[in-house]
Amino acid sequence: MISHVVIGINDFDQAFAFYSAIMDGLGHTLKFCECDTPWSGGWAGWMAPGTPRPLFIVGTPYDGNPAQQGNGQMVALLAPDRNRVDAVYAIALAHGGTCEGAPGLRPHYHPHYYGAYFHDPEGNKIGICCHDAVAQ
């Protein structure tokens, strides 16, 4: 359904370090990194191993204007289990992210939804979630 998601950023080096740690925590691999292109101050994209899509991309805006986060906008990344939600949330906070909701069950979404939320250093809201029940 989704080809790629792009998060607009202003400080490529800071964003690349932050999202590299997040993507490593989720087991995703870097597909490309162009630190300085003729049209941009940099962009990079990650993917799940063994699949070309969807891509998660961070980059400076194509039009040259500053990136701005949107109120009510969020990208939620899927984690394979609840422990990974906890770990990636901790990675985000250790790399300059700010808490928007600590890891935990959110049964108002559905009985097994386990998620955490944070803002990246530029204010973009990111979620990490797992939809699976814990094995009994």
Protein backbone atom coordinates (compact mmCIF):
# COMPACT_ATOMS: atom_id res chain seq x y z
CA MET A 1 0.00 0.00 0.00
CA ILE A 2 2.77 2.47 0.85
CA SER A 3 5.82 3.01 -1.32
CA HIS A 4 7.71 5.38 0.97
CA VAL A 5 7.33 7.87 3.79
CA VAL A 6 9.44 11.02 3.95
CA ILE A 7 10.14 12.95 7.15
CA GLY A 8 11.28 16.50 6.50
CA ILE A 9 14.28 17.61 8.52
CA ASN A 10 16.54 20.66 8.66
CA ASP A 11 19.73 19.25 10.20
CA PHE A 12 20.68 16.24 8.11
CA ASP A 13 23.64 15.13 10.24
CA GLN A 14 21.59 15.18 13.45
CA ALA A 15 18.62 13.43 11.81
CA PHE A 16 20.83 10.82 10.16
CA ALA A 17 22.45 9.92 13.49
CA PHE A 18 19.06 9.78 15.25
CA TYR A 19 17.25 7.71 12.64
CA SER A 20 20.24 5.43 12.02
CA ALA A 21 20.04 4.40 15.68
CA ILE A 22 16.25 3.91 15.47
CA MET A 23 16.43 1.88 12.26
CA ASP A 24 19.28 -0.23 13.59
CA GLY A 25 17.18 -0.93 16.69
CA LEU A 26 14.36 -2.15 14.44
CA GLY A 27 16.72 -4.26 12.31
CA HIS A 28 16.29 -2.15 9.15
CA THR A 29 19.09 -1.51 6.69
CA LEU A 30 20.27 1.67 5.04
CA LYS A 31 19.37 1.63 1.34
CA PHE A 32 20.95 4.97 0.43
CA CYS A 33 22.51 8.07 1.91
CA GLU A 34 23.30 11.18 -0.06
CA CYS A 35 24.76 13.76 2.27
CA ASP A 36 24.65 16.64 -0.18
CA THR A 37 22.77 16.63 -3.46
CA PRO A 38 22.29 19.50 -5.93
CA TRP A 39 18.67 19.84 -4.83
CA SER A 40 18.95 19.01 -1.15
CA GLY A 41 21.04 19.27 1.98
CA GLY A 42 20.89 15.49 2.26
CA TRP A 43 18.57 12.53 2.36
CA ALA A 44 18.73 8.92 3.44
CA GLY A 45 16.41 5.93 3.26
CA TRP A 46 16.04 2.64 5.12
CA MET A 47 14.17 -0.57 4.39
CA ALA A 48 13.38 -3.87 6.04
CA PRO A 49 15.90 -6.55 5.07
CA GLY A 50 15.01 -8.48 1.94
CA THR A 51 12.29 -6.14 0.72
CA PRO A 52 12.67 -3.02 -1.43
CA ARG A 53 9.52 -1.25 -0.12
CA PRO A 54 8.30 0.55 1.80
CA LEU A 55 11.14 2.97 2.40
CA PHE A 56 11.48 5.28 5.38
CA ILE A 57 13.25 8.45 4.24
CA VAL A 58 14.53 11.56 5.99
CA GLY A 59 15.60 14.59 4.03
CA THR A 60 15.65 18.32 3.69
CA PRO A 61 12.71 19.71 1.72
CA TYR A 62 13.03 19.73 -2.05
CA ASP A 63 11.77 23.32 -2.30
CA GLY A 64 14.58 24.65 -0.11
CA ASN A 65 12.24 25.98 2.59
CA PRO A 66 12.60 24.88 6.21
CA ALA A 67 10.99 21.60 7.23
CA GLN A 68 8.09 21.93 9.66
CA GLN A 69 6.35 19.16 11.55
CA GLY A 70 2.59 18.97 11.26
CA ASN A 71 0.21 18.98 14.19
CA GLY A 72 -1.71 15.71 14.07
CA GLN A 73 0.84 13.98 11.84
CA MET A 74 2.75 10.92 12.94
CA VAL A 75 4.57 8.01 11.39
CA ALA A 76 4.26 4.73 13.29
CA LEU A 77 6.91 2.07 12.78
CA LEU A 78 6.14 -1.59 13.35
CA ALA A 79 8.21 -3.53 15.86
CA PRO A 80 8.36 -7.34 15.88
CA ASP A 81 7.61 -7.57 19.60
CA ARG A 82 6.98 -5.54 22.74
CA ASN A 83 10.59 -5.77 23.90
CA ARG A 84 11.67 -4.08 20.69
CA VAL A 85 9.15 -1.27 21.31
CA ASP A 86 10.77 -0.70 24.70
CA ALA A 87 14.29 -0.85 23.28
CA VAL A 88 13.66 1.51 20.36
CA TYR A 89 11.87 3.99 22.62
CA ALA A 90 14.93 4.01 24.91
CA ILE A 91 17.22 4.45 21.89
CA ALA A 92 15.15 7.43 20.74
CA LEU A 93 15.35 9.16 24.11
CA ALA A 94 19.09 8.44 24.39
CA HIS A 95 19.63 10.10 20.99
CA GLY A 96 17.80 13.35 21.66
CA GLY A 97 14.16 12.34 21.27
CA THR A 98 11.49 13.50 23.71
CA CYS A 99 8.71 11.43 25.24
CA GLU A 100 5.20 11.71 23.87
CA GLY A 101 3.97 8.51 25.55
CA ALA A 102 5.96 5.81 27.33
CA PRO A 103 5.73 2.17 26.19
CA GLY A 104 2.60 0.37 27.25
CA LEU A 105 -0.63 -1.28 26.26
CA ARG A 106 -3.21 0.95 24.62
CA PRO A 107 -6.32 -1.26 24.78
CA HIS A 108 -8.52 1.57 23.50
CA TYR A 109 -6.93 0.87 20.07
CA HIS A 110 -7.27 -2.92 20.41
CA PRO A 111 -6.51 -5.44 23.18
CA HIS A 112 -2.95 -6.24 22.05
CA TYR A 113 -1.75 -2.82 20.86
CA TYR A 114 1.54 -2.04 22.59
CA GLY A 115 3.18 1.21 21.64
CA ALA A 116 5.37 4.15 22.51
CA TYR A 117 5.59 7.66 21.10
CA PHE A 118 8.32 10.26 20.87
CA HIS A 119 9.35 13.36 18.98
CA ASP A 120 12.61 13.38 17.05
CA PRO A 121 15.07 16.25 17.77
CA GLU A 122 13.21 18.45 15.24
CA GLY A 123 9.75 17.76 16.64
CA ASN A 124 8.43 15.11 14.23
CA LYS A 125 6.17 12.63 16.03
CA ILE A 126 7.09 8.97 15.68
CA GLY A 127 5.36 5.92 17.06
CA ILE A 128 6.74 2.44 17.62
CA CYS A 129 4.15 -0.31 17.97
CA CYS A 130 3.47 -4.03 18.10
CA HIS A 131 0.03 -5.49 17.45
CA ASP A 132 0.70 -9.04 18.60
CA ALA A 133 -0.46 -10.74 21.76
CA VAL A 134 2.20 -11.94 24.14
CA ALA A 135 2.72 -15.71 23.77
CA GLN A 136 1.23 -17.63 26.69
